[in-house]
PDB file of N, CA and C in Angstrom:
ATOM      1  N   UNK A   1      17.343 -11.110 -34.857  1.00  0.00           N
ATOM      2  CA  UNK A   1      15.888 -11.215 -34.331  1.00  0.00           C
ATOM      3  C   UNK A   1      15.761 -12.517 -33.673  1.00  0.00           C
ATOM      4  N   UNK A   2      15.023 -12.480 -32.539  1.00  0.00           N
ATOM      5  CA  UNK A   2      14.822 -13.587 -31.728  1.00  0.00           C
ATOM      6  C   UNK A   2      13.236 -14.023 -31.970  1.00  0.00           C
ATOM      7  N   UNK A   3      13.083 -15.408 -32.517  1.00  0.00           N
ATOM      8  CA  UNK A   3      11.770 -15.940 -32.897  1.00  0.00           C
ATOM      9  C   UNK A   3      11.165 -16.380 -31.556  1.00  0.00           C
ATOM     10  N   UNK A   4       9.863 -16.062 -31.333  1.00  0.00           N
ATOM     11  CA  UNK A   4       9.061 -16.553 -30.182  1.00  0.00           C
ATOM     12  C   UNK A   4       7.796 -17.013 -30.806  1.00  0.00           C
ATOM     13  N   UNK A   5       7.289 -18.261 -30.272  1.00  0.00           N
ATOM     14  CA  UNK A   5       5.914 -18.729 -30.648  1.00  0.00           C
ATOM     15  C   UNK A   5       5.075 -18.630 -29.454  1.00  0.00           C
ATOM     16  N   UNK A   6       4.000 -17.834 -29.435  1.00  0.00           N
ATOM     17  CA  UNK A   6       3.016 -17.751 -28.383  1.00  0.00           C
ATOM     18  C   UNK A   6       1.989 -18.803 -28.719  1.00  0.00           C
ATOM     19  N   UNK A   7       1.507 -19.507 -27.775  1.00  0.00           N
ATOM     20  CA  UNK A   7       0.479 -20.553 -27.845  1.00  0.00           C
ATOM     21  C   UNK A   7      -0.740 -20.069 -27.009  1.00  0.00           C
ATOM     22  N   UNK A   8      -1.845 -19.600 -27.651  1.00  0.00           N
ATOM     23  CA  UNK A   8      -2.873 -19.105 -26.980  1.00  0.00           C
ATOM     24  C   UNK A   8      -3.626 -20.225 -26.160  1.00  0.00           C
ATOM     25  N   UNK A   9      -4.589 -19.710 -25.341  1.00  0.00           N
ATOM     26  CA  UNK A   9      -5.212 -20.665 -24.498  1.00  0.00           C
ATOM     27  C   UNK A   9      -6.188 -21.600 -25.420  1.00  0.00           C
ATOM     28  N   UNK A  10      -6.445 -21.242 -26.565  1.00  0.00           N
ATOM     29  CA  UNK A  10      -7.183 -21.989 -27.449  1.00  0.00           C
ATOM     30  C   UNK A  10      -6.286 -22.975 -28.270  1.00  0.00           C
ATOM     31  N   UNK A  11      -4.952 -22.838 -28.148  1.00  0.00           N
ATOM     32  CA  UNK A  11      -4.088 -23.546 -28.828  1.00  0.00           C
ATOM     33  C   UNK A  11      -3.494 -23.061 -30.131  1.00  0.00           C
ATOM     34  N   UNK A  12      -3.949 -21.894 -30.509  1.00  0.00           N
ATOM     35  CA  UNK A  12      -3.478 -21.187 -31.654  1.00  0.00           C
ATOM     36  C   UNK A  12      -2.024 -20.727 -31.478  1.00  0.00           C
ATOM     37  N   UNK A  13      -1.228 -20.952 -32.546  1.00  0.00           N
ATOM     38  CA  UNK A  13       0.212 -20.488 -32.443  1.00  0.00           C
ATOM     39  C   UNK A  13       0.397 -19.173 -33.273  1.00  0.00           C
ATOM     40  N   UNK A  14       0.894 -18.202 -32.454  1.00  0.00           N
ATOM     41  CA  UNK A  14       1.182 -16.913 -33.080  1.00  0.00           C
ATOM     42  C   UNK A  14       2.638 -16.807 -33.006  1.00  0.00           C
ATOM     43  N   UNK A  15       3.370 -16.620 -34.225  1.00  0.00           N
ATOM     44  CA  UNK A  15       4.814 -16.319 -34.289  1.00  0.00           C
ATOM     45  C   UNK A  15       5.017 -14.824 -34.192  1.00  0.00           C
ATOM     46  N   UNK A  16       6.177 -14.636 -33.499  1.00  0.00           N
ATOM     47  CA  UNK A  16       6.626 -13.160 -33.310  1.00  0.00           C
ATOM     48  C   UNK A  16       8.161 -13.167 -33.337  1.00  0.00           C
ATOM     49  N   UNK A  17       8.701 -11.966 -33.687  1.00  0.00           N
ATOM     50  CA  UNK A  17      10.140 -11.824 -33.628  1.00  0.00           C
ATOM     51  C   UNK A  17      10.440 -10.496 -32.927  1.00  0.00           C
ATOM     52  N   UNK A  18      11.414 -10.545 -32.092  1.00  0.00           N
ATOM     53  CA  UNK A  18      11.886  -9.261 -31.477  1.00  0.00           C
ATOM     54  C   UNK A  18      13.273  -9.125 -31.493  1.00  0.00           C
ATOM     55  N   UNK A  19      13.783  -7.955 -31.288  1.00  0.00           N
ATOM     56  CA  UNK A  19      15.317  -7.779 -31.120  1.00  0.00           C
ATOM     57  C   UNK A  19      15.706  -8.245 -29.891  1.00  0.00           C
ATOM     58  N   UNK A  20      16.878  -8.735 -29.791  1.00  0.00           N
ATOM     59  CA  UNK A  20      17.603  -8.951 -28.463  1.00  0.00           C
ATOM     60  C   UNK A  20      17.538  -7.845 -27.594  1.00  0.00           C
ATOM     61  N   UNK A  21      17.152  -8.021 -26.360  1.00  0.00           N
ATOM     62  CA  UNK A  21      16.966  -6.901 -25.424  1.00  0.00           C
ATOM     63  C   UNK A  21      15.604  -6.440 -25.190  1.00  0.00           C
ATOM     64  N   UNK A  22      14.755  -6.873 -26.168  1.00  0.00           N
ATOM     65  CA  UNK A  22      13.289  -6.640 -26.003  1.00  0.00           C
ATOM     66  C   UNK A  22      12.737  -7.485 -24.823  1.00  0.00           C
ATOM     67  N   UNK A  23      11.844  -6.974 -24.012  1.00  0.00           N
ATOM     68  CA  UNK A  23      10.986  -7.793 -23.108  1.00  0.00           C
ATOM     69  C   UNK A  23      10.054  -8.564 -23.711  1.00  0.00           C
ATOM     70  N   UNK A  24       9.852  -9.845 -23.146  1.00  0.00           N
ATOM     71  CA  UNK A  24       8.883 -10.627 -23.669  1.00  0.00           C
ATOM     72  C   UNK A  24       7.539 -10.079 -23.658  1.00  0.00           C
ATOM     73  N   UNK A  25       7.226  -9.379 -22.511  1.00  0.00           N
ATOM     74  CA  UNK A  25       5.929  -8.604 -22.453  1.00  0.00           C
ATOM     75  C   UNK A  25       5.571  -7.664 -23.689  1.00  0.00           C
ATOM     76  N   UNK A  26       6.694  -7.046 -24.065  1.00  0.00           N
ATOM     77  CA  UNK A  26       6.534  -6.066 -25.165  1.00  0.00           C
ATOM     78  C   UNK A  26       6.169  -6.814 -26.381  1.00  0.00           C
ATOM     79  N   UNK A  27       6.860  -7.890 -26.746  1.00  0.00           N
ATOM     80  CA  UNK A  27       6.575  -8.652 -27.876  1.00  0.00           C
ATOM     81  C   UNK A  27       5.201  -9.246 -27.856  1.00  0.00           C
ATOM     82  N   UNK A  28       4.820  -9.816 -26.754  1.00  0.00           N
ATOM     83  CA  UNK A  28       3.488 -10.346 -26.601  1.00  0.00           C
ATOM     84  C   UNK A  28       2.474  -9.351 -26.872  1.00  0.00           C
ATOM     85  N   UNK A  29       2.592  -8.150 -26.293  1.00  0.00           N
ATOM     86  CA  UNK A  29       1.555  -7.144 -26.493  1.00  0.00           C
ATOM     87  C   UNK A  29       1.518  -6.781 -27.882  1.00  0.00           C
ATOM     88  N   UNK A  30       2.594  -6.691 -28.611  1.00  0.00           N
ATOM     89  CA  UNK A  30       2.671  -6.313 -29.913  1.00  0.00           C
ATOM     90  C   UNK A  30       1.948  -7.341 -30.885  1.00  0.00           C
ATOM     91  N   UNK A  31       2.075  -8.548 -30.428  1.00  0.00           N
ATOM     92  CA  UNK A  31       1.380  -9.672 -31.166  1.00  0.00           C
ATOM     93  C   UNK A  31      -0.008  -9.954 -30.767  1.00  0.00           C
ATOM     94  N   UNK A  32      -0.572  -9.147 -29.934  1.00  0.00           N
ATOM     95  CA  UNK A  32      -1.956  -9.156 -29.573  1.00  0.00           C
ATOM     96  C   UNK A  32      -2.195 -10.082 -28.442  1.00  0.00           C
ATOM     97  N   UNK A  33      -1.270 -10.593 -27.629  1.00  0.00           N
ATOM     98  CA  UNK A  33      -1.573 -11.391 -26.490  1.00  0.00           C
ATOM     99  C   UNK A  33      -2.186 -10.731 -25.354  1.00  0.00           C
ATOM    100  N   UNK A  34      -3.000 -11.334 -24.693  1.00  0.00           N
ATOM    101  CA  UNK A  34      -3.782 -10.684 -23.495  1.00  0.00           C
ATOM    102  C   UNK A  34      -2.830 -10.566 -22.321  1.00  0.00           C
ATOM    103  N   UNK A  35      -1.748  -9.817 -22.462  1.00  0.00           N
ATOM    104  CA  UNK A  35      -0.847  -9.598 -21.249  1.00  0.00           C
ATOM    105  C   UNK A  35      -0.844  -7.975 -20.963  1.00  0.00           C
ATOM    106  N   UNK A  36      -1.584  -7.790 -19.950  1.00  0.00           N
ATOM    107  CA  UNK A  36      -1.822  -6.388 -19.535  1.00  0.00           C
ATOM    108  C   UNK A  36      -0.475  -5.725 -19.147  1.00  0.00           C
ATOM    109  N   UNK A  37       0.362  -6.215 -18.297  1.00  0.00           N
ATOM    110  CA  UNK A  37       1.503  -5.599 -17.767  1.00  0.00           C
ATOM    111  C   UNK A  37       1.149  -4.229 -17.067  1.00  0.00           C
ATOM    112  N   UNK A  38       0.185  -4.362 -16.253  1.00  0.00           N
ATOM    113  CA  UNK A  38      -0.407  -3.291 -15.568  1.00  0.00           C
ATOM    114  C   UNK A  38       0.592  -2.365 -14.768  1.00  0.00           C
ATOM    115  N   UNK A  39       1.634  -2.984 -14.192  1.00  0.00           N
ATOM    116  CA  UNK A  39       2.579  -2.232 -13.442  1.00  0.00           C
ATOM    117  C   UNK A  39       3.783  -1.860 -14.281  1.00  0.00           C
ATOM    118  N   UNK A  40       3.753  -1.982 -15.560  1.00  0.00           N
ATOM    119  CA  UNK A  40       4.902  -1.644 -16.479  1.00  0.00           C
ATOM    120  C   UNK A  40       6.260  -2.206 -16.216  1.00  0.00           C
ATOM    121  N   UNK A  41       6.132  -3.469 -15.694  1.00  0.00           N
ATOM    122  CA  UNK A  41       7.391  -4.299 -15.488  1.00  0.00           C
ATOM    123  C   UNK A  41       8.131  -3.966 -14.133  1.00  0.00           C
ATOM    124  N   UNK A  42       7.343  -3.379 -13.184  1.00  0.00           N
ATOM    125  CA  UNK A  42       7.921  -3.167 -11.837  1.00  0.00           C
ATOM    126  C   UNK A  42       7.644  -4.378 -10.871  1.00  0.00           C
ATOM    127  N   UNK A  43       7.169  -5.468 -11.380  1.00  0.00           N
ATOM    128  CA  UNK A  43       6.794  -6.676 -10.509  1.00  0.00           C
ATOM    129  C   UNK A  43       5.922  -6.193  -9.363  1.00  0.00           C
ATOM    130  N   UNK A  44       4.901  -5.418  -9.562  1.00  0.00           N
ATOM    131  CA  UNK A  44       3.889  -5.161  -8.673  1.00  0.00           C
ATOM    132  C   UNK A  44       2.574  -5.690  -9.010  1.00  0.00           C
ATOM    133  N   UNK A  45       2.466  -6.569 -10.088  1.00  0.00           N
ATOM    134  CA  UNK A  45       1.306  -7.296 -10.363  1.00  0.00           C
ATOM    135  C   UNK A  45       1.630  -8.554 -11.116  1.00  0.00           C
ATOM    136  N   UNK A  46       0.679  -9.397 -11.435  1.00  0.00           N
ATOM    137  CA  UNK A  46       1.027 -10.595 -12.137  1.00  0.00           C
ATOM    138  C   UNK A  46       0.228 -10.704 -13.581  1.00  0.00           C
ATOM    139  N   UNK A  47      -0.098  -9.457 -14.134  1.00  0.00           N
ATOM    140  CA  UNK A  47      -0.981  -9.502 -15.292  1.00  0.00           C
ATOM    141  C   UNK A  47      -0.298  -9.882 -16.539  1.00  0.00           C
ATOM    142  N   UNK A  48       1.111 -10.243 -16.502  1.00  0.00           N
ATOM    143  CA  UNK A  48       1.875 -10.567 -17.579  1.00  0.00           C
ATOM    144  C   UNK A  48       2.334 -12.032 -17.459  1.00  0.00           C
ATOM    145  N   UNK A  49       1.650 -12.772 -16.616  1.00  0.00           N
ATOM    146  CA  UNK A  49       1.946 -14.142 -16.371  1.00  0.00           C
ATOM    147  C   UNK A  49       1.923 -14.922 -17.654  1.00  0.00           C
ATOM    148  N   UNK A  50       2.922 -15.775 -17.934  1.00  0.00           N
ATOM    149  CA  UNK A  50       3.014 -16.733 -18.924  1.00  0.00           C
ATOM    150  C   UNK A  50       3.576 -18.149 -18.476  1.00  0.00           C
ATOM    151  N   UNK A  51       3.242 -19.117 -19.226  1.00  0.00           N
ATOM    152  CA  UNK A  51       3.887 -20.349 -18.843  1.00  0.00           C
ATOM    153  C   UNK A  51       4.892 -20.687 -20.060  1.00  0.00           C
ATOM    154  N   UNK A  52       6.140 -20.967 -19.647  1.00  0.00           N
ATOM    155  CA  UNK A  52       7.263 -21.235 -20.503  1.00  0.00           C
ATOM    156  C   UNK A  52       7.138 -22.647 -20.904  1.00  0.00           C
ATOM    157  N   UNK A  53       7.308 -23.060 -22.131  1.00  0.00           N
ATOM    158  CA  UNK A  53       7.376 -24.414 -22.526  1.00  0.00           C
ATOM    159  C   UNK A  53       8.439 -25.054 -21.710  1.00  0.00           C
ATOM    160  N   UNK A  54       8.214 -26.458 -21.163  1.00  0.00           N
ATOM    161  CA  UNK A  54       9.175 -26.948 -20.321  1.00  0.00           C
ATOM    162  C   UNK A  54      10.625 -27.136 -21.057  1.00  0.00           C
ATOM    163  N   UNK A  55      10.606 -27.250 -22.369  1.00  0.00           N
ATOM    164  CA  UNK A  55      11.874 -27.462 -23.082  1.00  0.00           C
ATOM    165  C   UNK A  55      12.723 -26.214 -23.005  1.00  0.00           C
ATOM    166  N   UNK A  56      12.137 -25.097 -22.690  1.00  0.00           N
ATOM    167  CA  UNK A  56      12.877 -23.787 -22.794  1.00  0.00           C
ATOM    168  C   UNK A  56      13.008 -23.286 -21.331  1.00  0.00           C
ATOM    169  N   UNK A  57      12.452 -23.668 -20.317  1.00  0.00           N
ATOM    170  CA  UNK A  57      12.394 -23.145 -18.905  1.00  0.00           C
ATOM    171  C   UNK A  57      13.638 -23.018 -18.419  1.00  0.00           C
ATOM    172  N   UNK A  58      14.646 -24.107 -18.477  1.00  0.00           N
ATOM    173  CA  UNK A  58      15.909 -24.047 -17.777  1.00  0.00           C
ATOM    174  C   UNK A  58      16.811 -23.136 -18.508  1.00  0.00           C
ATOM    175  N   UNK A  59      16.408 -22.682 -19.753  1.00  0.00           N
ATOM    176  CA  UNK A  59      17.408 -21.760 -20.653  1.00  0.00           C
ATOM    177  C   UNK A  59      17.211 -20.337 -20.131  1.00  0.00           C
ATOM    178  N   UNK A  60      16.235 -20.121 -19.272  1.00  0.00           N
ATOM    179  CA  UNK A  60      16.037 -18.715 -18.709  1.00  0.00           C
ATOM    180  C   UNK A  60      16.730 -18.499 -17.450  1.00  0.00           C
ATOM    181  N   UNK A  61      17.145 -17.242 -17.227  1.00  0.00           N
ATOM    182  CA  UNK A  61      17.778 -16.912 -15.907  1.00  0.00           C
ATOM    183  C   UNK A  61      16.692 -17.196 -14.818  1.00  0.00           C
ATOM    184  N   UNK A  62      17.115 -17.768 -13.627  1.00  0.00           N
ATOM    185  CA  UNK A  62      16.198 -17.884 -12.590  1.00  0.00           C
ATOM    186  C   UNK A  62      15.333 -16.733 -12.154  1.00  0.00           C
ATOM    187  N   UNK A  63      14.125 -16.980 -11.789  1.00  0.00           N
ATOM    188  CA  UNK A  63      13.311 -15.863 -11.184  1.00  0.00           C
ATOM    189  C   UNK A  63      13.928 -15.231  -9.807  1.00  0.00           C
ATOM    190  N   UNK A  64      13.762 -14.068  -9.698  1.00  0.00           N
ATOM    191  CA  UNK A  64      14.202 -13.488  -8.388  1.00  0.00           C
ATOM    192  C   UNK A  64      13.044 -13.606  -7.379  1.00  0.00           C
ATOM    193  N   UNK A  65      13.292 -13.476  -6.148  1.00  0.00           N
ATOM    194  CA  UNK A  65      12.326 -13.604  -5.059  1.00  0.00           C
ATOM    195  C   UNK A  65      11.182 -12.759  -5.337  1.00  0.00           C
ATOM    196  N   UNK A  66      11.286 -11.624  -5.895  1.00  0.00           N
ATOM    197  CA  UNK A  66      10.084 -10.553  -5.940  1.00  0.00           C
ATOM    198  C   UNK A  66       9.204 -11.246  -7.102  1.00  0.00           C
ATOM    199  N   UNK A  67       9.765 -11.672  -8.062  1.00  0.00           N
ATOM    200  CA  UNK A  67       9.025 -12.330  -9.110  1.00  0.00           C
ATOM    201  C   UNK A  67       8.191 -13.576  -8.620  1.00  0.00           C
ATOM    202  N   UNK A  68       8.956 -14.342  -7.889  1.00  0.00           N
ATOM    203  CA  UNK A  68       8.264 -15.534  -7.212  1.00  0.00           C
ATOM    204  C   UNK A  68       6.986 -15.011  -6.408  1.00  0.00           C
ATOM    205  N   UNK A  69       7.209 -14.026  -5.713  1.00  0.00           N
ATOM    206  CA  UNK A  69       6.180 -13.471  -4.861  1.00  0.00           C
ATOM    207  C   UNK A  69       4.905 -13.071  -5.597  1.00  0.00           C
ATOM    208  N   UNK A  70       5.093 -12.483  -6.750  1.00  0.00           N
ATOM    209  CA  UNK A  70       4.084 -11.989  -7.575  1.00  0.00           C
ATOM    210  C   UNK A  70       3.428 -13.227  -8.326  1.00  0.00           C
ATOM    211  N   UNK A  71       4.231 -14.293  -8.615  1.00  0.00           N
ATOM    212  CA  UNK A  71       3.543 -15.444  -9.244  1.00  0.00           C
ATOM    213  C   UNK A  71       2.639 -16.133  -8.367  1.00  0.00           C
ATOM    214  N   UNK A  72       2.879 -15.890  -7.015  1.00  0.00           N
ATOM    215  CA  UNK A  72       2.095 -16.627  -6.117  1.00  0.00           C
ATOM    216  C   UNK A  72       0.610 -15.955  -6.154  1.00  0.00           C
ATOM    217  N   UNK A  73       0.530 -14.732  -6.704  1.00  0.00           N
ATOM    218  CA  UNK A  73      -0.801 -14.176  -6.819  1.00  0.00           C
ATOM    219  C   UNK A  73      -1.586 -14.414  -8.221  1.00  0.00           C
ATOM    220  N   UNK A  74      -0.756 -15.052  -9.191  1.00  0.00           N
ATOM    221  CA  UNK A  74      -1.378 -15.277 -10.512  1.00  0.00           C
ATOM    222  C   UNK A  74      -2.123 -16.513 -10.508  1.00  0.00           C
ATOM    223  N   UNK A  75      -3.080 -16.489 -11.430  1.00  0.00           N
ATOM    224  CA  UNK A  75      -4.067 -17.566 -11.582  1.00  0.00           C
ATOM    225  C   UNK A  75      -3.440 -18.706 -12.568  1.00  0.00           C
ATOM    226  N   UNK A  76      -3.620 -19.860 -12.202  1.00  0.00           N
ATOM    227  CA  UNK A  76      -3.277 -20.919 -13.133  1.00  0.00           C
ATOM    228  C   UNK A  76      -1.745 -21.029 -13.181  1.00  0.00           C
ATOM    229  N   UNK A  77      -0.961 -20.761 -12.167  1.00  0.00           N
ATOM    230  CA  UNK A  77       0.489 -20.969 -12.044  1.00  0.00           C
ATOM    231  C   UNK A  77       0.935 -22.334 -12.214  1.00  0.00           C
ATOM    232  N   UNK A  78       2.006 -22.513 -12.994  1.00  0.00           N
ATOM    233  CA  UNK A  78       2.572 -23.929 -13.154  1.00  0.00           C
ATOM    234  C   UNK A  78       4.045 -23.815 -12.753  1.00  0.00           C
ATOM    235  N   UNK A  79       4.631 -25.016 -12.703  1.00  0.00           N
ATOM    236  CA  UNK A  79       6.132 -25.035 -12.367  1.00  0.00           C
ATOM    237  C   UNK A  79       7.078 -24.160 -13.238  1.00  0.00           C
ATOM    238  N   UNK A  80       6.522 -23.917 -14.529  1.00  0.00           N
ATOM    239  CA  UNK A  80       7.337 -23.240 -15.575  1.00  0.00           C
ATOM    240  C   UNK A  80       6.791 -21.667 -15.708  1.00  0.00           C
ATOM    241  N   UNK A  81       5.929 -21.241 -14.697  1.00  0.00           N
ATOM    242  CA  UNK A  81       5.360 -19.973 -14.879  1.00  0.00           C
ATOM    243  C   UNK A  81       6.336 -18.866 -14.716  1.00  0.00           C
ATOM    244  N   UNK A  82       6.313 -17.860 -15.369  1.00  0.00           N
ATOM    245  CA  UNK A  82       7.138 -16.595 -15.247  1.00  0.00           C
ATOM    246  C   UNK A  82       6.259 -15.395 -15.482  1.00  0.00           C
ATOM    247  N   UNK A  83       6.841 -14.267 -15.219  1.00  0.00           N
ATOM    248  CA  UNK A  83       6.412 -12.931 -15.589  1.00  0.00           C
ATOM    249  C   UNK A  83       7.055 -12.506 -16.777  1.00  0.00           C
ATOM    250  N   UNK A  84       6.394 -12.218 -17.886  1.00  0.00           N
ATOM    251  CA  UNK A  84       6.856 -11.858 -19.162  1.00  0.00           C
ATOM    252  C   UNK A  84       7.748 -10.601 -19.133  1.00  0.00           C
ATOM    253  N   UNK A  85       7.292  -9.789 -18.168  1.00  0.00           N
ATOM    254  CA  UNK A  85       7.990  -8.491 -18.093  1.00  0.00           C
ATOM    255  C   UNK A  85       9.552  -8.714 -17.524  1.00  0.00           C
ATOM    256  N   UNK A  86       9.857  -9.889 -17.098  1.00  0.00           N
ATOM    257  CA  UNK A  86      11.121 -10.210 -16.481  1.00  0.00           C
ATOM    258  C   UNK A  86      11.945 -10.925 -17.433  1.00  0.00           C
ATOM    259  N   UNK A  87      11.465 -11.386 -18.644  1.00  0.00           N
ATOM    260  CA  UNK A  87      12.222 -12.171 -19.556  1.00  0.00           C
ATOM    261  C   UNK A  87      12.630 -11.219 -20.687  1.00  0.00           C
ATOM    262  N   UNK A  88      14.043 -11.141 -20.757  1.00  0.00           N
ATOM    263  CA  UNK A  88      14.694 -10.336 -21.869  1.00  0.00           C
ATOM    264  C   UNK A  88      14.971 -11.223 -22.972  1.00  0.00           C
ATOM    265  N   UNK A  89      14.624 -11.058 -24.220  1.00  0.00           N
ATOM    266  CA  UNK A  89      14.938 -11.903 -25.334  1.00  0.00           C
ATOM    267  C   UNK A  89      16.489 -11.816 -25.512  1.00  0.00           C
ATOM    268  N   UNK A  90      16.978 -13.019 -25.799  1.00  0.00           N
ATOM    269  CA  UNK A  90      18.520 -13.043 -26.098  1.00  0.00           C
ATOM    270  C   UNK A  90      18.612 -14.041 -27.288  1.00  0.00           C
ATOM    271  N   UNK A  91      19.713 -13.966 -27.957  1.00  0.00           N
ATOM    272  CA  UNK A  91      19.960 -14.988 -29.054  1.00  0.00           C
ATOM    273  C   UNK A  91      19.738 -16.427 -28.602  1.00  0.00           C
ATOM    274  N   UNK A  92      20.001 -16.746 -27.381  1.00  0.00           N
ATOM    275  CA  UNK A  92      19.919 -18.002 -26.999  1.00  0.00           C
ATOM    276  C   UNK A  92      18.529 -18.505 -26.695  1.00  0.00           C
ATOM    277  N   UNK A  93      17.612 -17.538 -26.776  1.00  0.00           N
ATOM    278  CA  UNK A  93      16.107 -17.815 -26.659  1.00  0.00           C
ATOM    279  C   UNK A  93      15.433 -17.915 -27.992  1.00  0.00           C
ATOM    280  N   UNK A  94      16.146 -17.866 -29.137  1.00  0.00           N
ATOM    281  CA  UNK A  94      15.564 -18.017 -30.451  1.00  0.00           C
ATOM    282  C   UNK A  94      14.857 -19.259 -30.535  1.00  0.00           C
ATOM    283  N   UNK A  95      13.582 -19.186 -30.920  1.00  0.00           N
ATOM    284  CA  UNK A  95      12.670 -20.355 -30.943  1.00  0.00           C
ATOM    285  C   UNK A  95      11.891 -20.596 -29.751  1.00  0.00           C
ATOM    286  N   UNK A  96      11.915 -19.672 -28.627  1.00  0.00           N
ATOM    287  CA  UNK A  96      11.232 -19.851 -27.463  1.00  0.00           C
ATOM    288  C   UNK A  96       9.856 -20.163 -27.690  1.00  0.00           C
ATOM    289  N   UNK A  97       9.112 -20.940 -26.904  1.00  0.00           N
ATOM    290  CA  UNK A  97       7.679 -21.191 -26.965  1.00  0.00           C
ATOM    291  C   UNK A  97       7.126 -20.807 -25.636  1.00  0.00           C
ATOM    292  N   UNK A  98       6.040 -20.063 -25.679  1.00  0.00           N
ATOM    293  CA  UNK A  98       5.470 -19.365 -24.503  1.00  0.00           C
ATOM    294  C   UNK A  98       3.939 -19.712 -24.545  1.00  0.00           C
ATOM    295  N   UNK A  99       3.407 -20.173 -23.587  1.00  0.00           N
ATOM    296  CA  UNK A  99       1.959 -20.517 -23.440  1.00  0.00           C
ATOM    297  C   UNK A  99       1.174 -19.414 -22.636  1.00  0.00           C
ATOM    298  N   UNK A 100       0.119 -18.979 -23.130  1.00  0.00           N
ATOM    299  CA  UNK A 100      -0.648 -17.921 -22.551  1.00  0.00           C
ATOM    300  C   UNK A 100      -1.739 -18.653 -21.625  1.00  0.00           C
ATOM    301  N   UNK A 101      -1.703 -18.420 -20.440  1.00  0.00           N
ATOM    302  CA  UNK A 101      -2.719 -19.074 -19.550  1.00  0.00           C
ATOM    303  C   UNK A 101      -4.181 -18.806 -19.957  1.00  0.00           C
ATOM    304  N   UNK A 102      -4.976 -19.800 -19.516  1.00  0.00           N
ATOM    305  CA  UNK A 102      -6.390 -19.644 -19.967  1.00  0.00           C
ATOM    306  C   UNK A 102      -7.184 -18.782 -19.003  1.00  0.00           C
ATOM    307  N   UNK A 103      -6.599 -18.411 -17.830  1.00  0.00           N
ATOM    308  CA  UNK A 103      -7.223 -17.521 -16.850  1.00  0.00           C
ATOM    309  C   UNK A 103      -6.269 -16.537 -16.470  1.00  0.00           C
ATOM    310  N   UNK A 104      -6.817 -15.333 -16.164  1.00  0.00           N
ATOM    311  CA  UNK A 104      -5.908 -14.287 -15.712  1.00  0.00           C
ATOM    312  C   UNK A 104      -6.705 -13.540 -14.504  1.00  0.00           C
ATOM    313  N   UNK A 105      -5.784 -12.949 -13.646  1.00  0.00           N
ATOM    314  CA  UNK A 105      -6.460 -12.228 -12.531  1.00  0.00           C
ATOM    315  C   UNK A 105      -5.650 -10.829 -12.429  1.00  0.00           C
ATOM    316  N   UNK A 106      -6.491  -9.878 -12.495  1.00  0.00           N
ATOM    317  CA  UNK A 106      -5.959  -8.528 -12.276  1.00  0.00           C
ATOM    318  C   UNK A 106      -5.789  -8.179 -10.759  1.00  0.00           C
ATOM    319  N   UNK A 107      -5.243  -6.988 -10.522  1.00  0.00           N
ATOM    320  CA  UNK A 107      -4.878  -6.653  -9.158  1.00  0.00           C
ATOM    321  C   UNK A 107      -6.043  -6.595  -8.228  1.00  0.00           C
ATOM    322  N   UNK A 108      -7.316  -6.590  -8.790  1.00  0.00           N
ATOM    323  CA  UNK A 108      -8.525  -6.588  -7.839  1.00  0.00           C
ATOM    324  C   UNK A 108      -8.926  -7.988  -7.593  1.00  0.00           C
ATOM    325  N   UNK A 109      -8.286  -8.927  -8.083  1.00  0.00           N
ATOM    326  CA  UNK A 109      -8.633 -10.426  -7.923  1.00  0.00           C
ATOM    327  C   UNK A 109      -9.627 -10.992  -8.729  1.00  0.00           C
ATOM    328  N   UNK A 110     -10.002 -10.224  -9.890  1.00  0.00           N
ATOM    329  CA  UNK A 110     -11.066 -10.698 -10.736  1.00  0.00           C
ATOM    330  C   UNK A 110     -10.629 -11.737 -11.619  1.00  0.00           C
TER     331      UNK A 110
END
């Protein structure tokens, strides 16, 4: 199992565990995080935007161009922002820390 700590916008830490191969989006949703994933992982929205803790960011595979384009539409983007639907849990990510942005924007720009 791969351990992940979600840090909410209010600073609350929520621990979760998922099997290797599980998408971060799925684990976040299972732990009650406000990650819509409206497009179901097709990179057609940015409703699963998360901010990866800087200590972990370089351990992730780089974002592809389509993911970068979708992040341009997300609210509150930072240098370590990613789409959680594009992050697959691996044993190397055991202990990952993920911050949930304080603001979100759905596809209607709200």
